[in-house]
Amino acid sequence: MQLVTPGIGLIFWMLVSFSLVLYILAKFAWGPIMKGIHQREDTIEKALEAANEAKKEMLQLKAGNEQLLREAKDERDALMRDARKVKEAILDQARAKAAEESARILENARENIQFEKMAAINDLKNQIASISIEIAEKLIGKELENKQQQLTEKLLKDVKIN
């Protein structure tokens, strides 16, 4: 039983040695350990604050990015509207130009058709006139031949009779 119950001397010396170790630790080790723990606490607290600040900053950046994205979309939409307007203006201008060009070509074609028609009519008149003259010449020629023949026959009769 002696092993289970320590003696008073042993307890005394254990208490003295424990007090001595406790004093030495308190004097030399406890301060630096506590100082290190406080520094670690401060470091952790600063890191948490920095993390919170970073989180806030990320939220602000995210909001800023969303705002920039909205502005970019609005600007893109505005550019698309402007491009559509420019396209419509160019198409309208091209249509108007094409209409003018087609009207001009049509007018030129009408004038050319009119000139060709007048030339064809003049040519036809000239041909009709020359054909008429030829017919008249032939008719007059035959009449003259007949009259000339009758005249010569009459002259021959007059000459024979005399």
N, C-alpha and C. Protein backbone atom coordinates (compact mmCIF):
# COMPACT_ATOMS: atom_id res chain seq x y z
N MET A 1 0.77 -1.17 0.00
CA MET A 1 0.00 0.00 0.00
C MET A 1 0.84 1.28 0.00
N GLN A 2 1.95 1.11 0.25
CA GLN A 2 2.84 2.23 0.28
C GLN A 2 3.01 2.81 -1.12
N LEU A 3 2.90 2.04 -2.11
CA LEU A 3 3.03 2.53 -3.48
C LEU A 3 1.82 3.38 -3.87
N VAL A 4 0.72 3.08 -3.30
CA VAL A 4 -0.50 3.80 -3.66
C VAL A 4 -0.56 5.10 -2.88
N THR A 5 -0.15 5.16 -1.66
CA THR A 5 -0.21 6.38 -0.86
C THR A 5 1.19 6.96 -0.75
N PRO A 6 1.40 8.13 -1.29
CA PRO A 6 2.73 8.71 -1.23
C PRO A 6 3.01 9.29 0.16
N GLY A 7 4.26 9.41 0.42
CA GLY A 7 4.63 9.96 1.72
C GLY A 7 4.59 11.49 1.69
N ILE A 8 4.62 12.07 2.89
CA ILE A 8 4.53 13.51 3.04
C ILE A 8 5.79 14.16 2.49
N GLY A 9 6.88 13.58 2.61
CA GLY A 9 8.13 14.13 2.10
C GLY A 9 8.10 14.20 0.58
N LEU A 10 7.59 13.15 0.01
CA LEU A 10 7.50 13.10 -1.45
C LEU A 10 6.54 14.19 -1.95
N ILE A 11 5.44 14.33 -1.26
CA ILE A 11 4.46 15.35 -1.64
C ILE A 11 5.09 16.73 -1.48
N PHE A 12 5.85 16.92 -0.40
CA PHE A 12 6.49 18.21 -0.18
C PHE A 12 7.44 18.53 -1.29
N TRP A 13 8.33 17.59 -1.61
CA TRP A 13 9.32 17.83 -2.63
C TRP A 13 8.66 17.97 -4.01
N MET A 14 7.63 17.27 -4.26
CA MET A 14 6.91 17.42 -5.52
C MET A 14 6.28 18.80 -5.60
N LEU A 15 5.74 19.25 -4.50
CA LEU A 15 5.12 20.57 -4.45
C LEU A 15 6.20 21.63 -4.64
N VAL A 16 7.35 21.46 -4.05
CA VAL A 16 8.44 22.43 -4.18
C VAL A 16 8.93 22.44 -5.63
N SER A 17 9.17 21.25 -6.18
CA SER A 17 9.69 21.20 -7.54
C SER A 17 8.64 21.73 -8.55
N PHE A 18 7.38 21.44 -8.29
CA PHE A 18 6.32 21.94 -9.16
C PHE A 18 6.24 23.46 -9.07
N SER A 19 6.37 23.99 -7.86
CA SER A 19 6.33 25.44 -7.66
C SER A 19 7.51 26.09 -8.33
N LEU A 20 8.67 25.43 -8.23
CA LEU A 20 9.87 25.96 -8.86
C LEU A 20 9.71 25.96 -10.38
N VAL A 21 9.23 24.88 -10.95
CA VAL A 21 9.01 24.80 -12.40
C VAL A 21 7.97 25.84 -12.81
N LEU A 22 6.93 25.98 -11.99
CA LEU A 22 5.89 26.96 -12.29
C LEU A 22 6.44 28.37 -12.23
N TYR A 23 7.29 28.65 -11.26
CA TYR A 23 7.89 29.98 -11.15
C TYR A 23 8.81 30.25 -12.33
N ILE A 24 9.62 29.28 -12.69
CA ILE A 24 10.56 29.45 -13.80
C ILE A 24 9.76 29.66 -15.10
N LEU A 25 8.73 28.84 -15.27
CA LEU A 25 7.90 28.99 -16.46
C LEU A 25 7.22 30.36 -16.48
N ALA A 26 6.70 30.78 -15.34
CA ALA A 26 6.02 32.08 -15.28
C ALA A 26 6.99 33.21 -15.52
N LYS A 27 8.21 33.05 -15.00
CA LYS A 27 9.20 34.12 -15.11
C LYS A 27 9.76 34.19 -16.53
N PHE A 28 10.11 33.05 -17.11
CA PHE A 28 10.82 33.07 -18.39
C PHE A 28 9.97 32.62 -19.60
N ALA A 29 9.11 31.68 -19.45
CA ALA A 29 8.41 31.14 -20.61
C ALA A 29 7.00 31.68 -20.77
N TRP A 30 6.32 31.92 -19.66
CA TRP A 30 4.92 32.34 -19.72
C TRP A 30 4.77 33.65 -20.48
N GLY A 31 5.58 34.61 -20.29
CA GLY A 31 5.51 35.91 -20.98
C GLY A 31 5.66 35.76 -22.49
N PRO A 32 6.77 35.11 -22.95
CA PRO A 32 6.90 34.96 -24.40
C PRO A 32 5.79 34.11 -25.00
N ILE A 33 5.35 33.06 -24.26
CA ILE A 33 4.26 32.23 -24.79
C ILE A 33 2.99 33.06 -24.91
N MET A 34 2.67 33.82 -23.89
CA MET A 34 1.47 34.67 -23.92
C MET A 34 1.60 35.76 -24.98
N LYS A 35 2.82 36.31 -25.07
CA LYS A 35 3.06 37.33 -26.09
C LYS A 35 2.85 36.73 -27.48
N GLY A 36 3.36 35.54 -27.72
CA GLY A 36 3.18 34.84 -29.00
C GLY A 36 1.71 34.55 -29.27
N ILE A 37 0.99 34.13 -28.20
CA ILE A 37 -0.45 33.85 -28.37
C ILE A 37 -1.20 35.12 -28.71
N HIS A 38 -0.87 36.23 -28.05
CA HIS A 38 -1.53 37.51 -28.34
C HIS A 38 -1.18 37.98 -29.76
N GLN A 39 0.08 37.81 -30.13
CA GLN A 39 0.46 38.17 -31.50
C GLN A 39 -0.31 37.32 -32.51
N ARG A 40 -0.43 36.04 -32.19
CA ARG A 40 -1.17 35.14 -33.09
C ARG A 40 -2.63 35.56 -33.15
N GLU A 41 -3.20 35.92 -32.01
CA GLU A 41 -4.59 36.41 -31.98
C GLU A 41 -4.74 37.66 -32.84
N ASP A 42 -3.77 38.60 -32.66
CA ASP A 42 -3.81 39.84 -33.45
C ASP A 42 -3.69 39.53 -34.94
N THR A 43 -2.79 38.62 -35.26
CA THR A 43 -2.59 38.25 -36.67
C THR A 43 -3.86 37.64 -37.25
N ILE A 44 -4.48 36.75 -36.48
CA ILE A 44 -5.71 36.11 -36.94
C ILE A 44 -6.82 37.15 -37.08
N GLU A 45 -6.91 38.06 -36.12
CA GLU A 45 -7.93 39.10 -36.16
C GLU A 45 -7.72 40.02 -37.36
N LYS A 46 -6.45 40.38 -37.62
CA LYS A 46 -6.15 41.22 -38.78
C LYS A 46 -6.46 40.47 -40.08
N ALA A 47 -6.16 39.18 -40.09
CA ALA A 47 -6.45 38.39 -41.29
C ALA A 47 -7.95 38.31 -41.52
N LEU A 48 -8.72 38.15 -40.43
CA LEU A 48 -10.19 38.13 -40.56
C LEU A 48 -10.72 39.47 -41.06
N GLU A 49 -10.16 40.56 -40.50
CA GLU A 49 -10.56 41.89 -40.96
C GLU A 49 -10.20 42.07 -42.43
N ALA A 50 -8.99 41.64 -42.80
CA ALA A 50 -8.57 41.75 -44.20
C ALA A 50 -9.47 40.91 -45.09
N ALA A 51 -9.85 39.73 -44.61
CA ALA A 51 -10.76 38.88 -45.39
C ALA A 51 -12.12 39.56 -45.55
N ASN A 52 -12.61 40.16 -44.45
CA ASN A 52 -13.89 40.89 -44.54
C ASN A 52 -13.77 42.07 -45.51
N GLU A 53 -12.66 42.80 -45.41
CA GLU A 53 -12.45 43.92 -46.33
C GLU A 53 -12.37 43.41 -47.78
N ALA A 54 -11.67 42.30 -47.97
CA ALA A 54 -11.56 41.74 -49.31
C ALA A 54 -12.93 41.30 -49.82
N LYS A 55 -13.73 40.73 -48.90
CA LYS A 55 -15.07 40.31 -49.28
C LYS A 55 -15.92 41.52 -49.68
N LYS A 56 -15.84 42.59 -48.88
CA LYS A 56 -16.57 43.81 -49.21
C LYS A 56 -16.09 44.37 -50.56
N GLU A 57 -14.78 44.37 -50.72
CA GLU A 57 -14.22 44.88 -51.96
C GLU A 57 -14.65 44.02 -53.15
N MET A 58 -14.68 42.72 -52.97
CA MET A 58 -15.14 41.82 -54.03
C MET A 58 -16.61 42.08 -54.36
N LEU A 59 -17.42 42.32 -53.33
CA LEU A 59 -18.83 42.65 -53.58
C LEU A 59 -18.94 43.96 -54.36
N GLN A 60 -18.11 44.94 -53.96
CA GLN A 60 -18.13 46.22 -54.69
C GLN A 60 -17.66 46.03 -56.13
N LEU A 61 -16.60 45.23 -56.30
CA LEU A 61 -16.11 44.96 -57.65
C LEU A 61 -17.15 44.22 -58.48
N LYS A 62 -17.83 43.29 -57.82
CA LYS A 62 -18.87 42.55 -58.52
C LYS A 62 -19.99 43.49 -58.95
N ALA A 63 -20.39 44.37 -58.03
CA ALA A 63 -21.42 45.36 -58.37
C ALA A 63 -20.92 46.28 -59.49
N GLY A 64 -19.65 46.69 -59.38
CA GLY A 64 -19.07 47.53 -60.43
C GLY A 64 -19.01 46.80 -61.76
N ASN A 65 -18.64 45.53 -61.71
CA ASN A 65 -18.59 44.73 -62.94
C ASN A 65 -19.98 44.59 -63.54
N GLU A 66 -20.97 44.36 -62.70
CA GLU A 66 -22.34 44.26 -63.20
C GLU A 66 -22.78 45.58 -63.83
N GLN A 67 -22.40 46.68 -63.19
CA GLN A 67 -22.73 48.00 -63.73
C GLN A 67 -22.03 48.20 -65.07
N LEU A 68 -20.74 47.85 -65.12
CA LEU A 68 -20.01 47.97 -66.38
C LEU A 68 -20.60 47.08 -67.46
N LEU A 69 -21.02 45.89 -67.07
CA LEU A 69 -21.64 44.97 -68.02
C LEU A 69 -22.95 45.55 -68.55
N ARG A 70 -23.76 46.12 -67.63
CA ARG A 70 -25.00 46.76 -68.06
C ARG A 70 -24.72 47.92 -69.02
N GLU A 71 -23.71 48.74 -68.64
CA GLU A 71 -23.37 49.87 -69.50
C GLU A 71 -22.88 49.39 -70.86
N ALA A 72 -22.07 48.34 -70.86
CA ALA A 72 -21.57 47.79 -72.13
C ALA A 72 -22.72 47.26 -72.97
N LYS A 73 -23.68 46.59 -72.33
CA LYS A 73 -24.84 46.09 -73.07
C LYS A 73 -25.65 47.25 -73.63
N ASP A 74 -25.85 48.29 -72.81
CA ASP A 74 -26.59 49.46 -73.28
C ASP A 74 -25.87 50.11 -74.46
N GLU A 75 -24.54 50.23 -74.34
CA GLU A 75 -23.76 50.84 -75.42
C GLU A 75 -23.84 49.97 -76.67
N ARG A 76 -23.75 48.65 -76.49
CA ARG A 76 -23.87 47.74 -77.64
C ARG A 76 -25.24 47.89 -78.30
N ASP A 77 -26.29 47.96 -77.46
CA ASP A 77 -27.64 48.13 -78.01
C ASP A 77 -27.75 49.44 -78.77
N ALA A 78 -27.16 50.50 -78.20
CA ALA A 78 -27.20 51.80 -78.87
C ALA A 78 -26.45 51.73 -80.20
N LEU A 79 -25.29 51.08 -80.20
CA LEU A 79 -24.54 50.94 -81.44
C LEU A 79 -25.32 50.13 -82.48
N MET A 80 -25.99 49.10 -82.01
CA MET A 80 -26.79 48.28 -82.93
C MET A 80 -27.94 49.10 -83.51
N ARG A 81 -28.59 49.91 -82.65
CA ARG A 81 -29.67 50.77 -83.15
C ARG A 81 -29.13 51.75 -84.19
N ASP A 82 -27.97 52.36 -83.87
CA ASP A 82 -27.38 53.30 -84.81
C ASP A 82 -27.01 52.61 -86.11
N ALA A 83 -26.47 51.40 -85.99
CA ALA A 83 -26.09 50.65 -87.20
C ALA A 83 -27.33 50.32 -88.03
N ARG A 84 -28.42 49.96 -87.36
CA ARG A 84 -29.66 49.69 -88.10
C ARG A 84 -30.16 50.95 -88.81
N LYS A 85 -30.09 52.09 -88.09
CA LYS A 85 -30.53 53.34 -88.70
C LYS A 85 -29.67 53.68 -89.92
N VAL A 86 -28.36 53.52 -89.78
CA VAL A 86 -27.45 53.80 -90.89
C VAL A 86 -27.75 52.85 -92.05
N LYS A 87 -27.98 51.57 -91.71
CA LYS A 87 -28.28 50.59 -92.76
C LYS A 87 -29.56 50.98 -93.49
N GLU A 88 -30.60 51.35 -92.73
CA GLU A 88 -31.86 51.76 -93.35
C GLU A 88 -31.67 53.00 -94.22
N ALA A 89 -30.87 53.95 -93.72
CA ALA A 89 -30.62 55.16 -94.50
C ALA A 89 -29.89 54.83 -95.79
N ILE A 90 -28.90 53.94 -95.70
CA ILE A 90 -28.16 53.55 -96.90
C ILE A 90 -29.07 52.82 -97.86
N LEU A 91 -29.91 51.92 -97.33
CA LEU A 91 -30.84 51.19 -98.20
C LEU A 91 -31.83 52.15 -98.86
N ASP A 92 -32.36 53.09 -98.08
CA ASP A 92 -33.30 54.08 -98.66
C ASP A 92 -32.61 54.90 -99.74
N GLN A 93 -31.38 55.31 -99.45
CA GLN A 93 -30.63 56.10 -100.42
C GLN A 93 -30.37 55.27 -101.68
N ALA A 94 -30.01 54.00 -101.49
CA ALA A 94 -29.77 53.13 -102.65
C ALA A 94 -31.05 52.91 -103.44
N ARG A 95 -32.17 52.74 -102.73
CA ARG A 95 -33.46 52.57 -103.43
C ARG A 95 -33.80 53.81 -104.23
N ALA A 96 -33.61 54.98 -103.60
CA ALA A 96 -33.92 56.24 -104.30
C ALA A 96 -33.02 56.40 -105.52
N LYS A 97 -31.74 56.08 -105.36
CA LYS A 97 -30.80 56.19 -106.46
C LYS A 97 -31.18 55.22 -107.58
N ALA A 98 -31.55 53.99 -107.17
CA ALA A 98 -31.96 53.00 -108.17
C ALA A 98 -33.22 53.44 -108.89
N ALA A 99 -34.17 54.04 -108.14
CA ALA A 99 -35.40 54.52 -108.77
C ALA A 99 -35.09 55.64 -109.76
N GLU A 100 -34.21 56.57 -109.36
CA GLU A 100 -33.81 57.64 -110.26
C GLU A 100 -33.13 57.09 -111.50
N GLU A 101 -32.22 56.14 -111.28
CA GLU A 101 -31.49 55.55 -112.40
C GLU A 101 -32.44 54.81 -113.35
N SER A 102 -33.38 54.06 -112.76
CA SER A 102 -34.33 53.33 -113.62
C SER A 102 -35.23 54.31 -114.36
N ALA A 103 -35.64 55.40 -113.71
CA ALA A 103 -36.47 56.41 -114.39
C ALA A 103 -35.68 57.06 -115.52
N ARG A 104 -34.40 57.33 -115.26
CA ARG A 104 -33.56 57.94 -116.29
C ARG A 104 -33.37 56.97 -117.46
N ILE A 105 -33.10 55.72 -117.16
CA ILE A 105 -32.92 54.71 -118.21
C ILE A 105 -34.21 54.54 -119.00
N LEU A 106 -35.34 54.51 -118.28
CA LEU A 106 -36.65 54.38 -118.94
C LEU A 106 -36.91 55.57 -119.84
N GLU A 107 -36.61 56.77 -119.38
CA GLU A 107 -36.81 57.97 -120.18
C GLU A 107 -35.91 57.95 -121.42
N ASN A 108 -34.65 57.54 -121.22
CA ASN A 108 -33.73 57.42 -122.37
C ASN A 108 -34.25 56.38 -123.36
N ALA A 109 -34.76 55.28 -122.84
CA ALA A 109 -35.30 54.24 -123.71
C ALA A 109 -36.51 54.77 -124.48
N ARG A 110 -37.38 55.53 -123.81
CA ARG A 110 -38.54 56.11 -124.49
C ARG A 110 -38.10 57.07 -125.59
N GLU A 111 -37.10 57.91 -125.27
CA GLU A 111 -36.60 58.85 -126.27
C GLU A 111 -36.00 58.09 -127.45
N ASN A 112 -35.21 57.06 -127.14
CA ASN A 112 -34.61 56.27 -128.23
C ASN A 112 -35.69 55.59 -129.06
N ILE A 113 -36.70 55.07 -128.40
CA ILE A 113 -37.81 54.44 -129.13
C ILE A 113 -38.50 55.47 -130.01
N GLN A 114 -38.72 56.67 -129.48
CA GLN A 114 -39.37 57.73 -130.25
C GLN A 114 -38.52 58.12 -131.46
N PHE A 115 -37.18 58.27 -131.22
CA PHE A 115 -36.29 58.61 -132.34
C PHE A 115 -36.29 57.50 -133.38
N GLU A 116 -36.22 56.25 -132.91
CA GLU A 116 -36.22 55.12 -133.84
C GLU A 116 -37.55 55.05 -134.61
N LYS A 117 -38.64 55.35 -133.90
CA LYS A 117 -39.97 55.35 -134.54
C LYS A 117 -40.03 56.43 -135.62
N MET A 118 -39.54 57.62 -135.26
CA MET A 118 -39.55 58.72 -136.24
C MET A 118 -38.65 58.38 -137.42
N ALA A 119 -37.50 57.78 -137.14
CA ALA A 119 -36.59 57.41 -138.23
C ALA A 119 -37.25 56.35 -139.10
N ALA A 120 -37.92 55.37 -138.46
CA ALA A 120 -38.60 54.33 -139.24
C ALA A 120 -39.72 54.93 -140.07
N ILE A 121 -40.48 55.86 -139.49
CA ILE A 121 -41.57 56.52 -140.23
C ILE A 121 -41.01 57.30 -141.41
N ASN A 122 -39.92 58.06 -141.19
CA ASN A 122 -39.30 58.82 -142.27
C ASN A 122 -38.78 57.89 -143.35
N ASP A 123 -38.14 56.80 -142.92
CA ASP A 123 -37.64 55.83 -143.88
C ASP A 123 -38.79 55.23 -144.68
N LEU A 124 -39.87 54.88 -143.98
CA LEU A 124 -41.05 54.33 -144.66
C LEU A 124 -41.65 55.34 -145.63
N LYS A 125 -41.72 56.61 -145.21
CA LYS A 125 -42.24 57.66 -146.10
C LYS A 125 -41.36 57.78 -147.33
N ASN A 126 -40.04 57.75 -147.11
CA ASN A 126 -39.11 57.86 -148.25
C ASN A 126 -39.28 56.68 -149.20
N GLN A 127 -39.42 55.48 -148.62
CA GLN A 127 -39.60 54.30 -149.47
C GLN A 127 -40.92 54.39 -150.23
N ILE A 128 -41.98 54.79 -149.51
CA ILE A 128 -43.29 54.94 -150.17
C ILE A 128 -43.20 55.98 -151.29
N ALA A 129 -42.51 57.09 -150.99
CA ALA A 129 -42.38 58.15 -152.01
C ALA A 129 -41.60 57.63 -153.22
N SER A 130 -40.51 56.92 -152.98
CA SER A 130 -39.72 56.43 -154.13
C SER A 130 -40.50 55.38 -154.91
N ILE A 131 -41.25 54.52 -154.20
CA ILE A 131 -42.07 53.53 -154.88
C ILE A 131 -43.17 54.24 -155.68
N SER A 132 -43.77 55.26 -155.08
CA SER A 132 -44.82 56.02 -155.77
C SER A 132 -44.26 56.68 -157.02
N ILE A 133 -43.06 57.22 -156.88
CA ILE A 133 -42.43 57.87 -158.03
C ILE A 133 -42.15 56.83 -159.11
N GLU A 134 -41.65 55.69 -158.72
CA GLU A 134 -41.37 54.64 -159.71
C GLU A 134 -42.66 54.21 -160.41
N ILE A 135 -43.72 54.02 -159.61
CA ILE A 135 -45.02 53.63 -160.20
C ILE A 135 -45.50 54.72 -161.14
N ALA A 136 -45.39 55.98 -160.68
CA ALA A 136 -45.83 57.09 -161.52
C ALA A 136 -45.01 57.15 -162.81
N GLU A 137 -43.69 56.92 -162.68
CA GLU A 137 -42.84 56.94 -163.87
C GLU A 137 -43.27 55.86 -164.84
N LYS A 138 -43.53 54.69 -164.30
CA LYS A 138 -43.93 53.60 -165.18
C LYS A 138 -45.28 53.89 -165.83
N LEU A 139 -46.23 54.42 -165.04
CA LEU A 139 -47.53 54.74 -165.61
C LEU A 139 -47.40 55.85 -166.67
N ILE A 140 -46.68 56.89 -166.30
CA ILE A 140 -46.50 58.01 -167.23
C ILE A 140 -45.74 57.53 -168.46
N GLY A 141 -44.74 56.68 -168.19
CA GLY A 141 -43.95 56.14 -169.31
C GLY A 141 -44.84 55.36 -170.25
N LYS A 142 -45.71 54.53 -169.76
CA LYS A 142 -46.62 53.75 -170.60
C LYS A 142 -47.59 54.68 -171.30
N GLU A 143 -48.13 55.65 -170.60
CA GLU A 143 -49.06 56.58 -171.23
C GLU A 143 -48.36 57.36 -172.32
N LEU A 144 -47.14 57.77 -172.00
CA LEU A 144 -46.38 58.52 -172.99
C LEU A 144 -46.08 57.63 -174.19
N GLU A 145 -45.75 56.40 -173.90
CA GLU A 145 -45.47 55.47 -175.00
C GLU A 145 -46.73 55.33 -175.86
N ASN A 146 -47.85 55.13 -175.17
CA ASN A 146 -49.11 54.99 -175.92
C ASN A 146 -49.38 56.27 -176.71
N LYS A 147 -49.26 57.41 -176.12
CA LYS A 147 -49.52 58.69 -176.78
C LYS A 147 -48.50 58.92 -177.88
N GLN A 148 -47.25 58.57 -177.58
CA GLN A 148 -46.21 58.75 -178.57
C GLN A 148 -46.48 57.83 -179.77
N GLN A 149 -46.87 56.63 -179.47
CA GLN A 149 -47.17 55.67 -180.53
C GLN A 149 -48.37 56.17 -181.35
N GLN A 150 -49.37 56.65 -180.66
CA GLN A 150 -50.54 57.17 -181.37
C GLN A 150 -50.14 58.39 -182.21
N LEU A 151 -49.29 59.21 -181.64
CA LEU A 151 -48.83 60.40 -182.36
C LEU A 151 -48.02 60.00 -183.59
N THR A 152 -47.16 59.06 -183.42
CA THR A 152 -46.35 58.60 -184.55
C THR A 152 -47.24 57.95 -185.60
N GLU A 153 -48.21 57.20 -185.19
CA GLU A 153 -49.13 56.57 -186.14
C GLU A 153 -49.92 57.66 -186.86
N LYS A 154 -50.37 58.64 -186.14
CA LYS A 154 -51.10 59.73 -186.77
C LYS A 154 -50.20 60.50 -187.72
N LEU A 155 -48.96 60.72 -187.29
CA LEU A 155 -48.03 61.42 -188.17
C LEU A 155 -47.73 60.58 -189.42
N LEU A 156 -47.65 59.29 -189.20
CA LEU A 156 -47.40 58.39 -190.34
C LEU A 156 -48.63 58.42 -191.27
N LYS A 157 -49.78 58.44 -190.73
CA LYS A 157 -50.98 58.48 -191.55
C LYS A 157 -51.02 59.81 -192.31
N ASP A 158 -50.69 60.85 -191.60
CA ASP A 158 -50.69 62.14 -192.25
C ASP A 158 -49.63 62.20 -193.34
N VAL A 159 -48.55 61.59 -193.14
CA VAL A 159 -47.46 61.61 -194.11
C VAL A 159 -47.87 60.71 -195.30
N LYS A 160 -48.48 59.63 -195.12
CA LYS A 160 -48.84 58.73 -196.19
C LYS A 160 -49.96 59.37 -197.01
N ILE A 161 -50.76 60.00 -196.35
CA ILE A 161 -51.87 60.60 -197.06
C ILE A 161 -51.37 61.80 -197.86
N ASN A 162 -50.57 62.48 -197.50
CA ASN A 162 -50.10 63.64 -198.19
C ASN A 162 -49.18 63.19 -199.22
